[in-house]
Amino acid sequence: MKTKNTIWRERLLFFFLGAISLGIGGLLLGAASDYNASTLNYGRYQISSWATRLDQNSGAVGAFVMDTVSGETRTVYMRTYGKPPASRAVKNDLKKSFHSID
């Protein structure tokens, strides 16, 4: 037959083992959920194009990229077209990362 002290020791042992197990499980689940949240960037950056007519013989075209998380928009490409002096690339940052675009 077990004594009263032995029963209390077993209960405390099982309580602390359960608390430690829950703590470790919580830490592991928390680490896993943070890892998955930081790797999901699908659709974060979106691109759109535009065009406008400046006069009868010239116009401009371009593209911009928007960061859907911060709402920041940056122009990555702009070109004027028309007669030779007006036809030129004003901006071409197509091969740069979003954060390095001026």
PDB file of N, CA and C in Angstrom:
ATOM      1  N   MET A   1       0.820  -1.174   0.000  1.00  0.00           N
ATOM      2  CA  MET A   1       0.000   0.000   0.000  1.00  0.00           C
ATOM      3  C   MET A   1       0.875   1.253   0.000  1.00  0.00           C
ATOM      4  N   LYS A   2       0.468   2.230  -0.814  1.00  0.00           N
ATOM      5  CA  LYS A   2       1.249   3.448  -0.938  1.00  0.00           C
ATOM      6  C   LYS A   2       0.922   4.397   0.208  1.00  0.00           C
ATOM      7  N   THR A   3       1.956   5.117   0.608  1.00  0.00           N
ATOM      8  CA  THR A   3       1.732   6.106   1.667  1.00  0.00           C
ATOM      9  C   THR A   3       1.229   7.407   1.052  1.00  0.00           C
ATOM     10  N   LYS A   4       0.794   8.294   1.911  1.00  0.00           N
ATOM     11  CA  LYS A   4       0.256   9.569   1.458  1.00  0.00           C
ATOM     12  C   LYS A   4       1.341  10.406   0.764  1.00  0.00           C
ATOM     13  N   ASN A   5       2.558  10.369   1.264  1.00  0.00           N
ATOM     14  CA  ASN A   5       3.673  11.111   0.658  1.00  0.00           C
ATOM     15  C   ASN A   5       4.005  10.570  -0.731  1.00  0.00           C
ATOM     16  N   THR A   6       3.960   9.269  -0.913  1.00  0.00           N
ATOM     17  CA  THR A   6       4.263   8.661  -2.208  1.00  0.00           C
ATOM     18  C   THR A   6       3.216   9.064  -3.237  1.00  0.00           C
ATOM     19  N   ILE A   7       1.959   9.088  -2.856  1.00  0.00           N
ATOM     20  CA  ILE A   7       0.875   9.476  -3.767  1.00  0.00           C
ATOM     21  C   ILE A   7       1.062  10.930  -4.204  1.00  0.00           C
ATOM     22  N   TRP A   8       1.381  11.830  -3.264  1.00  0.00           N
ATOM     23  CA  TRP A   8       1.583  13.242  -3.606  1.00  0.00           C
ATOM     24  C   TRP A   8       2.801  13.431  -4.508  1.00  0.00           C
ATOM     25  N   ARG A   9       3.857  12.692  -4.272  1.00  0.00           N
ATOM     26  CA  ARG A   9       5.041  12.777  -5.127  1.00  0.00           C
ATOM     27  C   ARG A   9       4.708  12.346  -6.561  1.00  0.00           C
ATOM     28  N   GLU A  10       3.960  11.253  -6.693  1.00  0.00           N
ATOM     29  CA  GLU A  10       3.570  10.799  -8.030  1.00  0.00           C
ATOM     30  C   GLU A  10       2.698  11.833  -8.728  1.00  0.00           C
ATOM     31  N   ARG A  11       1.746  12.406  -8.005  1.00  0.00           N
ATOM     32  CA  ARG A  11       0.879  13.431  -8.597  1.00  0.00           C
ATOM     33  C   ARG A  11       1.679  14.641  -9.040  1.00  0.00           C
ATOM     34  N   LEU A  12       2.603  15.120  -8.214  1.00  0.00           N
ATOM     35  CA  LEU A  12       3.438  16.258  -8.591  1.00  0.00           C
ATOM     36  C   LEU A  12       4.334  15.922  -9.783  1.00  0.00           C
ATOM     37  N   LEU A  13       4.883  14.726  -9.796  1.00  0.00           N
ATOM     38  CA  LEU A  13       5.721  14.303 -10.913  1.00  0.00           C
ATOM     39  C   LEU A  13       4.929  14.307 -12.214  1.00  0.00           C
ATOM     40  N   PHE A  14       3.731  13.708 -12.208  1.00  0.00           N
ATOM     41  CA  PHE A  14       2.902  13.682 -13.421  1.00  0.00           C
ATOM     42  C   PHE A  14       2.447  15.083 -13.814  1.00  0.00           C
ATOM     43  N   PHE A  15       2.152  15.946 -12.845  1.00  0.00           N
ATOM     44  CA  PHE A  15       1.755  17.320 -13.139  1.00  0.00           C
ATOM     45  C   PHE A  15       2.896  18.060 -13.848  1.00  0.00           C
ATOM     46  N   PHE A  16       4.099  17.985 -13.306  1.00  0.00           N
ATOM     47  CA  PHE A  16       5.230  18.683 -13.910  1.00  0.00           C
ATOM     48  C   PHE A  16       5.617  18.091 -15.263  1.00  0.00           C
ATOM     49  N   LEU A  17       5.533  16.788 -15.412  1.00  0.00           N
ATOM     50  CA  LEU A  17       5.805  16.172 -16.713  1.00  0.00           C
ATOM     51  C   LEU A  17       4.782  16.626 -17.757  1.00  0.00           C
ATOM     52  N   GLY A  18       3.523  16.709 -17.360  1.00  0.00           N
ATOM     53  CA  GLY A  18       2.480  17.197 -18.266  1.00  0.00           C
ATOM     54  C   GLY A  18       2.685  18.662 -18.638  1.00  0.00           C
ATOM     55  N   ALA A  19       3.045  19.493 -17.646  1.00  0.00           N
ATOM     56  CA  ALA A  19       3.274  20.916 -17.905  1.00  0.00           C
ATOM     57  C   ALA A  19       4.469  21.107 -18.844  1.00  0.00           C
ATOM     58  N   ILE A  20       5.536  20.354 -18.624  1.00  0.00           N
ATOM     59  CA  ILE A  20       6.712  20.453 -19.495  1.00  0.00           C
ATOM     60  C   ILE A  20       6.368  19.989 -20.911  1.00  0.00           C
ATOM     61  N   SER A  21       5.606  18.911 -21.030  1.00  0.00           N
ATOM     62  CA  SER A  21       5.203  18.414 -22.352  1.00  0.00           C
ATOM     63  C   SER A  21       4.351  19.444 -23.090  1.00  0.00           C
ATOM     64  N   LEU A  22       3.399  20.059 -22.396  1.00  0.00           N
ATOM     65  CA  LEU A  22       2.573  21.092 -23.027  1.00  0.00           C
ATOM     66  C   LEU A  22       3.408  22.297 -23.444  1.00  0.00           C
ATOM     67  N   GLY A  23       4.345  22.682 -22.597  1.00  0.00           N
ATOM     68  CA  GLY A  23       5.211  23.813 -22.940  1.00  0.00           C
ATOM     69  C   GLY A  23       6.047  23.548 -24.179  1.00  0.00           C
ATOM     70  N   ILE A  24       6.649  22.374 -24.256  1.00  0.00           N
ATOM     71  CA  ILE A  24       7.459  22.018 -25.429  1.00  0.00           C
ATOM     72  C   ILE A  24       6.580  21.937 -26.674  1.00  0.00           C
ATOM     73  N   GLY A  25       5.408  21.339 -26.558  1.00  0.00           N
ATOM     74  CA  GLY A  25       4.488  21.265 -27.700  1.00  0.00           C
ATOM     75  C   GLY A  25       4.063  22.651 -28.171  1.00  0.00           C
ATOM     76  N   GLY A  26       3.767  23.540 -27.234  1.00  0.00           N
ATOM     77  CA  GLY A  26       3.389  24.906 -27.597  1.00  0.00           C
ATOM     78  C   GLY A  26       4.507  25.643 -28.306  1.00  0.00           C
ATOM     79  N   LEU A  27       5.734  25.471 -27.820  1.00  0.00           N
ATOM     80  CA  LEU A  27       6.877  26.107 -28.478  1.00  0.00           C
ATOM     81  C   LEU A  27       7.076  25.574 -29.888  1.00  0.00           C
ATOM     82  N   LEU A  28       6.933  24.274 -30.052  1.00  0.00           N
ATOM     83  CA  LEU A  28       7.108  23.700 -31.387  1.00  0.00           C
ATOM     84  C   LEU A  28       6.007  24.144 -32.341  1.00  0.00           C
ATOM     85  N   LEU A  29       4.781  24.195 -31.883  1.00  0.00           N
ATOM     86  CA  LEU A  29       3.686  24.646 -32.740  1.00  0.00           C
ATOM     87  C   LEU A  29       3.812  26.125 -33.072  1.00  0.00           C
ATOM     88  N   GLY A  30       4.242  26.918 -32.105  1.00  0.00           N
ATOM     89  CA  GLY A  30       4.438  28.344 -32.357  1.00  0.00           C
ATOM     90  C   GLY A  30       5.539  28.585 -33.370  1.00  0.00           C
ATOM     91  N   ALA A  31       6.621  27.845 -33.278  1.00  0.00           N
ATOM     92  CA  ALA A  31       7.720  27.993 -34.232  1.00  0.00           C
ATOM     93  C   ALA A  31       7.276  27.574 -35.622  1.00  0.00           C
ATOM     94  N   ALA A  32       6.492  26.535 -35.728  1.00  0.00           N
ATOM     95  CA  ALA A  32       6.023  26.068 -37.038  1.00  0.00           C
ATOM     96  C   ALA A  32       5.072  27.081 -37.663  1.00  0.00           C
ATOM     97  N   SER A  33       4.185  27.695 -36.886  1.00  0.00           N
ATOM     98  CA  SER A  33       3.243  28.650 -37.465  1.00  0.00           C
ATOM     99  C   SER A  33       3.956  29.920 -37.895  1.00  0.00           C
ATOM    100  N   ASP A  34       4.999  30.376 -37.179  1.00  0.00           N
ATOM    101  CA  ASP A  34       5.754  31.542 -37.610  1.00  0.00           C
ATOM    102  C   ASP A  34       6.515  31.254 -38.890  1.00  0.00           C
ATOM    103  N   TYR A  35       7.047  30.062 -39.029  1.00  0.00           N
ATOM    104  CA  TYR A  35       7.790  29.700 -40.235  1.00  0.00           C
ATOM    105  C   TYR A  35       6.876  29.740 -41.453  1.00  0.00           C
ATOM    106  N   ASN A  36       5.690  29.169 -41.361  1.00  0.00           N
ATOM    107  CA  ASN A  36       4.773  29.135 -42.498  1.00  0.00           C
ATOM    108  C   ASN A  36       4.269  30.519 -42.852  1.00  0.00           C
ATOM    109  N   ALA A  37       4.015  31.379 -41.858  1.00  0.00           N
ATOM    110  CA  ALA A  37       3.490  32.709 -42.137  1.00  0.00           C
ATOM    111  C   ALA A  37       4.518  33.568 -42.866  1.00  0.00           C
ATOM    112  N   SER A  38       5.795  33.398 -42.570  1.00  0.00           N
ATOM    113  CA  SER A  38       6.802  34.251 -43.192  1.00  0.00           C
ATOM    114  C   SER A  38       7.172  33.780 -44.601  1.00  0.00           C
ATOM    115  N   THR A  39       6.864  32.557 -44.963  1.00  0.00           N
ATOM    116  CA  THR A  39       7.253  32.075 -46.280  1.00  0.00           C
ATOM    117  C   THR A  39       6.149  32.240 -47.324  1.00  0.00           C
ATOM    118  N   LEU A  40       4.960  32.626 -46.931  1.00  0.00           N
ATOM    119  CA  LEU A  40       3.866  32.770 -47.884  1.00  0.00           C
ATOM    120  C   LEU A  40       3.817  34.199 -48.408  1.00  0.00           C
ATOM    121  N   ASN A  41       4.401  34.437 -49.577  1.00  0.00           N
ATOM    122  CA  ASN A  41       4.379  35.751 -50.203  1.00  0.00           C
ATOM    123  C   ASN A  41       3.720  35.696 -51.571  1.00  0.00           C
ATOM    124  N   TYR A  42       2.901  34.690 -51.807  1.00  0.00           N
ATOM    125  CA  TYR A  42       2.259  34.547 -53.109  1.00  0.00           C
ATOM    126  C   TYR A  42       1.335  35.731 -53.351  1.00  0.00           C
ATOM    127  N   GLY A  43       1.533  36.429 -54.446  1.00  0.00           N
ATOM    128  CA  GLY A  43       0.681  37.556 -54.804  1.00  0.00           C
ATOM    129  C   GLY A  43       1.040  38.840 -54.101  1.00  0.00           C
ATOM    130  N   ARG A  44       2.187  38.894 -53.424  1.00  0.00           N
ATOM    131  CA  ARG A  44       2.545  40.117 -52.706  1.00  0.00           C
ATOM    132  C   ARG A  44       2.825  41.251 -53.672  1.00  0.00           C
ATOM    133  N   TYR A  45       3.560  40.991 -54.741  1.00  0.00           N
ATOM    134  CA  TYR A  45       3.898  42.031 -55.708  1.00  0.00           C
ATOM    135  C   TYR A  45       3.052  41.851 -56.957  1.00  0.00           C
ATOM    136  N   GLN A  46       2.406  42.936 -57.384  1.00  0.00           N
ATOM    137  CA  GLN A  46       1.577  42.878 -58.580  1.00  0.00           C
ATOM    138  C   GLN A  46       2.036  43.954 -59.548  1.00  0.00           C
ATOM    139  N   ILE A  47       1.951  43.646 -60.842  1.00  0.00           N
ATOM    140  CA  ILE A  47       2.416  44.570 -61.871  1.00  0.00           C
ATOM    141  C   ILE A  47       1.232  45.016 -62.728  1.00  0.00           C
ATOM    142  N   SER A  48       1.319  46.255 -63.182  1.00  0.00           N
ATOM    143  CA  SER A  48       0.290  46.789 -64.056  1.00  0.00           C
ATOM    144  C   SER A  48       0.961  47.702 -65.082  1.00  0.00           C
ATOM    145  N   SER A  49       0.328  47.850 -66.227  1.00  0.00           N
ATOM    146  CA  SER A  49       0.897  48.710 -67.273  1.00  0.00           C
ATOM    147  C   SER A  49      -0.068  49.848 -67.587  1.00  0.00           C
ATOM    148  N   TRP A  50       0.447  50.856 -68.232  1.00  0.00           N
ATOM    149  CA  TRP A  50      -0.364  52.013 -68.602  1.00  0.00           C
ATOM    150  C   TRP A  50       0.151  52.591 -69.920  1.00  0.00           C
ATOM    151  N   ALA A  51      -0.666  53.372 -70.580  1.00  0.00           N
ATOM    152  CA  ALA A  51      -0.288  54.066 -71.811  1.00  0.00           C
ATOM    153  C   ALA A  51      -1.123  55.328 -71.933  1.00  0.00           C
ATOM    154  N   THR A  52      -0.540  56.349 -72.529  1.00  0.00           N
ATOM    155  CA  THR A  52      -1.268  57.596 -72.742  1.00  0.00           C
ATOM    156  C   THR A  52      -0.792  58.258 -74.037  1.00  0.00           C
ATOM    157  N   ARG A  53      -1.647  59.038 -74.606  1.00  0.00           N
ATOM    158  CA  ARG A  53      -1.318  59.769 -75.825  1.00  0.00           C
ATOM    159  C   ARG A  53      -0.955  61.195 -75.430  1.00  0.00           C
ATOM    160  N   LEU A  54       0.209  61.663 -75.876  1.00  0.00           N
ATOM    161  CA  LEU A  54       0.642  63.021 -75.539  1.00  0.00           C
ATOM    162  C   LEU A  54       0.146  64.034 -76.557  1.00  0.00           C
ATOM    163  N   ASP A  55       0.251  63.736 -77.836  1.00  0.00           N
ATOM    164  CA  ASP A  55      -0.326  64.556 -78.902  1.00  0.00           C
ATOM    165  C   ASP A  55      -0.619  63.657 -80.094  1.00  0.00           C
ATOM    166  N   GLN A  56      -0.790  64.223 -81.290  1.00  0.00           N
ATOM    167  CA  GLN A  56      -1.165  63.430 -82.462  1.00  0.00           C
ATOM    168  C   GLN A  56      -0.120  62.368 -82.815  1.00  0.00           C
ATOM    169  N   ASN A  57       1.161  62.651 -82.595  1.00  0.00           N
ATOM    170  CA  ASN A  57       2.215  61.757 -83.067  1.00  0.00           C
ATOM    171  C   ASN A  57       3.059  61.147 -81.953  1.00  0.00           C
ATOM    172  N   SER A  58       2.714  61.327 -80.720  1.00  0.00           N
ATOM    173  CA  SER A  58       3.559  60.785 -79.650  1.00  0.00           C
ATOM    174  C   SER A  58       2.709  60.349 -78.457  1.00  0.00           C
ATOM    175  N   GLY A  59       3.344  59.580 -77.612  1.00  0.00           N
ATOM    176  CA  GLY A  59       2.674  59.086 -76.415  1.00  0.00           C
ATOM    177  C   GLY A  59       3.692  58.504 -75.451  1.00  0.00           C
ATOM    178  N   ALA A  60       3.204  57.849 -74.421  1.00  0.00           N
ATOM    179  CA  ALA A  60       4.085  57.239 -73.426  1.00  0.00           C
ATOM    180  C   ALA A  60       3.453  55.933 -72.954  1.00  0.00           C
ATOM    181  N   VAL A  61       4.316  54.992 -72.627  1.00  0.00           N
ATOM    182  CA  VAL A  61       3.879  53.714 -72.061  1.00  0.00           C
ATOM    183  C   VAL A  61       4.741  53.422 -70.843  1.00  0.00           C
ATOM    184  N   GLY A  62       4.230  52.584 -69.963  1.00  0.00           N
ATOM    185  CA  GLY A  62       5.014  52.251 -68.784  1.00  0.00           C
ATOM    186  C   GLY A  62       4.397  51.132 -67.983  1.00  0.00           C
ATOM    187  N   ALA A  63       5.096  50.791 -66.901  1.00  0.00           N
ATOM    188  CA  ALA A  63       4.631  49.738 -66.002  1.00  0.00           C
ATOM    189  C   ALA A  63       5.025  50.107 -64.575  1.00  0.00           C
ATOM    190  N   PHE A  64       4.205  49.692 -63.629  1.00  0.00           N
ATOM    191  CA  PHE A  64       4.539  49.909 -62.233  1.00  0.00           C
ATOM    192  C   PHE A  64       4.245  48.644 -61.432  1.00  0.00           C
ATOM    193  N   VAL A  65       4.911  48.522 -60.285  1.00  0.00           N
ATOM    194  CA  VAL A  65       4.762  47.370 -59.401  1.00  0.00           C
ATOM    195  C   VAL A  65       4.249  47.868 -58.060  1.00  0.00           C
ATOM    196  N   MET A  66       3.295  47.118 -57.483  1.00  0.00           N
ATOM    197  CA  MET A  66       2.751  47.486 -56.183  1.00  0.00           C
ATOM    198  C   MET A  66       3.007  46.376 -55.177  1.00  0.00           C
ATOM    199  N   ASP A  67       3.459  46.766 -53.998  1.00  0.00           N
ATOM    200  CA  ASP A  67       3.619  45.849 -52.872  1.00  0.00           C
ATOM    201  C   ASP A  67       2.276  45.822 -52.148  1.00  0.00           C
ATOM    202  N   THR A  68       1.561  44.701 -52.211  1.00  0.00           N
ATOM    203  CA  THR A  68       0.212  44.644 -51.647  1.00  0.00           C
ATOM    204  C   THR A  68       0.203  44.619 -50.127  1.00  0.00           C
ATOM    205  N   VAL A  69       1.343  44.365 -49.493  1.00  0.00           N
ATOM    206  CA  VAL A  69       1.407  44.374 -48.032  1.00  0.00           C
ATOM    207  C   VAL A  69       1.515  45.799 -47.520  1.00  0.00           C
ATOM    208  N   SER A  70       2.448  46.592 -48.080  1.00  0.00           N
ATOM    209  CA  SER A  70       2.658  47.961 -47.604  1.00  0.00           C
ATOM    210  C   SER A  70       1.862  48.989 -48.399  1.00  0.00           C
ATOM    211  N   GLY A  71       1.395  48.628 -49.602  1.00  0.00           N
ATOM    212  CA  GLY A  71       0.656  49.565 -50.435  1.00  0.00           C
ATOM    213  C   GLY A  71       1.555  50.486 -51.244  1.00  0.00           C
ATOM    214  N   GLU A  72       2.856  50.304 -51.177  1.00  0.00           N
ATOM    215  CA  GLU A  72       3.805  51.148 -51.888  1.00  0.00           C
ATOM    216  C   GLU A  72       3.819  50.780 -53.370  1.00  0.00           C
ATOM    217  N   THR A  73       3.853  51.807 -54.226  1.00  0.00           N
ATOM    218  CA  THR A  73       3.866  51.599 -55.674  1.00  0.00           C
ATOM    219  C   THR A  73       5.111  52.247 -56.254  1.00  0.00           C
ATOM    220  N   ARG A  74       5.778  51.561 -57.166  1.00  0.00           N
ATOM    221  CA  ARG A  74       6.987  52.097 -57.807  1.00  0.00           C
ATOM    222  C   ARG A  74       6.910  51.892 -59.311  1.00  0.00           C
ATOM    223  N   THR A  75       7.308  52.919 -60.051  1.00  0.00           N
ATOM    224  CA  THR A  75       7.347  52.829 -61.498  1.00  0.00           C
ATOM    225  C   THR A  75       8.625  52.097 -61.908  1.00  0.00           C
ATOM    226  N   VAL A  76       8.488  51.038 -62.713  1.00  0.00           N
ATOM    227  CA  VAL A  76       9.652  50.261 -63.128  1.00  0.00           C
ATOM    228  C   VAL A  76      10.033  50.493 -64.588  1.00  0.00           C
ATOM    229  N   TYR A  77       9.117  51.000 -65.391  1.00  0.00           N
ATOM    230  CA  TYR A  77       9.436  51.208 -66.801  1.00  0.00           C
ATOM    231  C   TYR A  77       8.591  52.352 -67.335  1.00  0.00           C
ATOM    232  N   MET A  78       9.236  53.211 -68.136  1.00  0.00           N
ATOM    233  CA  MET A  78       8.512  54.287 -68.810  1.00  0.00           C
ATOM    234  C   MET A  78       9.258  54.627 -70.099  1.00  0.00           C
ATOM    235  N   ARG A  79       8.507  54.710 -71.179  1.00  0.00           N
ATOM    236  CA  ARG A  79       9.099  55.011 -72.487  1.00  0.00           C
ATOM    237  C   ARG A  79       8.161  55.938 -73.244  1.00  0.00           C
ATOM    238  N   THR A  80       8.760  56.954 -73.869  1.00  0.00           N
ATOM    239  CA  THR A  80       7.988  57.822 -74.753  1.00  0.00           C
ATOM    240  C   THR A  80       8.195  57.331 -76.178  1.00  0.00           C
ATOM    241  N   TYR A  81       7.230  57.565 -77.018  1.00  0.00           N
ATOM    242  CA  TYR A  81       7.356  57.174 -78.419  1.00  0.00           C
ATOM    243  C   TYR A  81       6.803  58.282 -79.290  1.00  0.00           C
ATOM    244  N   GLY A  82       7.216  58.259 -80.510  1.00  0.00           N
ATOM    245  CA  GLY A  82       6.806  59.285 -81.468  1.00  0.00           C
ATOM    246  C   GLY A  82       7.944  59.561 -82.422  1.00  0.00           C
ATOM    247  N   LYS A  83       8.107  60.822 -82.805  1.00  0.00           N
ATOM    248  CA  LYS A  83       9.198  61.200 -83.706  1.00  0.00           C
ATOM    249  C   LYS A  83      10.531  60.995 -82.995  1.00  0.00           C
ATOM    250  N   PRO A  84      11.616  60.752 -83.729  1.00  0.00           N
ATOM    251  CA  PRO A  84      12.898  60.353 -83.142  1.00  0.00           C
ATOM    252  C   PRO A  84      13.378  61.138 -81.918  1.00  0.00           C
ATOM    253  N   PRO A  85      13.304  62.448 -81.829  1.00  0.00           N
ATOM    254  CA  PRO A  85      13.819  63.043 -80.590  1.00  0.00           C
ATOM    255  C   PRO A  85      12.954  62.705 -79.369  1.00  0.00           C
ATOM    256  N   ALA A  86      11.694  62.451 -79.565  1.00  0.00           N
ATOM    257  CA  ALA A  86      10.798  62.179 -78.437  1.00  0.00           C
ATOM    258  C   ALA A  86      10.774  60.703 -78.046  1.00  0.00           C
ATOM    259  N   SER A  87      11.282  59.821 -78.891  1.00  0.00           N
ATOM    260  CA  SER A  87      11.223  58.389 -78.619  1.00  0.00           C
ATOM    261  C   SER A  87      12.450  57.952 -77.822  1.00  0.00           C
ATOM    262  N   ARG A  88      12.253  57.687 -76.536  1.00  0.00           N
ATOM    263  CA  ARG A  88      13.368  57.256 -75.695  1.00  0.00           C
ATOM    264  C   ARG A  88      12.836  56.559 -74.444  1.00  0.00           C
ATOM    265  N   ALA A  89      13.684  55.733 -73.871  1.00  0.00           N
ATOM    266  CA  ALA A  89      13.340  55.076 -72.601  1.00  0.00           C
ATOM    267  C   ALA A  89      13.670  56.038 -71.470  1.00  0.00           C
ATOM    268  N   VAL A  90      12.683  56.457 -70.736  1.00  0.00           N
ATOM    269  CA  VAL A  90      12.876  57.394 -69.643  1.00  0.00           C
ATOM    270  C   VAL A  90      13.349  56.655 -68.393  1.00  0.00           C
ATOM    271  N   LYS A  91      12.793  55.480 -68.161  1.00  0.00           N
ATOM    272  CA  LYS A  91      13.167  54.693 -66.991  1.00  0.00           C
ATOM    273  C   LYS A  91      13.073  53.217 -67.329  1.00  0.00           C
ATOM    274  N   ASN A  92      14.091  52.444 -66.916  1.00  0.00           N
ATOM    275  CA  ASN A  92      14.086  51.006 -67.158  1.00  0.00           C
ATOM    276  C   ASN A  92      14.711  50.299 -65.952  1.00  0.00           C
ATOM    277  N   ASP A  93      13.905  49.949 -64.981  1.00  0.00           N
ATOM    278  CA  ASP A  93      14.347  49.241 -63.774  1.00  0.00           C
ATOM    279  C   ASP A  93      13.755  47.833 -63.725  1.00  0.00           C
ATOM    280  N   LEU A  94      13.536  47.222 -64.887  1.00  0.00           N
ATOM    281  CA  LEU A  94      12.869  45.920 -64.939  1.00  0.00           C
ATOM    282  C   LEU A  94      13.679  44.795 -64.298  1.00  0.00           C
ATOM    283  N   LYS A  95      14.998  44.897 -64.289  1.00  0.00           N
ATOM    284  CA  LYS A  95      15.822  43.814 -63.743  1.00  0.00           C
ATOM    285  C   LYS A  95      16.266  44.075 -62.304  1.00  0.00           C
ATOM    286  N   LYS A  96      15.674  45.066 -61.643  1.00  0.00           N
ATOM    287  CA  LYS A  96      16.037  45.385 -60.263  1.00  0.00           C
ATOM    288  C   LYS A  96      15.002  44.794 -59.300  1.00  0.00           C
ATOM    289  N   SER A  97      15.431  44.587 -58.062  1.00  0.00           N
ATOM    290  CA  SER A  97      14.484  44.142 -57.041  1.00  0.00           C
ATOM    291  C   SER A  97      13.597  45.314 -56.627  1.00  0.00           C
ATOM    292  N   PHE A  98      12.485  45.033 -55.996  1.00  0.00           N
ATOM    293  CA  PHE A  98      11.518  46.073 -55.633  1.00  0.00           C
ATOM    294  C   PHE A  98      12.148  47.138 -54.750  1.00  0.00           C
ATOM    295  N   HIS A  99      12.960  46.737 -53.794  1.00  0.00           N
ATOM    296  CA  HIS A  99      13.514  47.682 -52.833  1.00  0.00           C
ATOM    297  C   HIS A  99      14.665  48.505 -53.388  1.00  0.00           C
ATOM    298  N   SER A 100      15.217  48.128 -54.535  1.00  0.00           N
ATOM    299  CA  SER A 100      16.306  48.901 -55.127  1.00  0.00           C
ATOM    300  C   SER A 100      15.824  49.838 -56.228  1.00  0.00           C
ATOM    301  N   ILE A 101      14.539  49.888 -56.501  1.00  0.00           N
ATOM    302  CA  ILE A 101      13.985  50.780 -57.517  1.00  0.00           C
ATOM    303  C   ILE A 101      13.880  52.182 -56.921  1.00  0.00           C
ATOM    304  N   ASP A 102      14.328  53.193 -57.681  1.00  0.00           N
ATOM    305  CA  ASP A 102      14.259  54.591 -57.201  1.00  0.00           C
ATOM    306  C   ASP A 102      12.856  55.104 -57.208  1.00  0.00           C
TER     307      ASP A 102
END
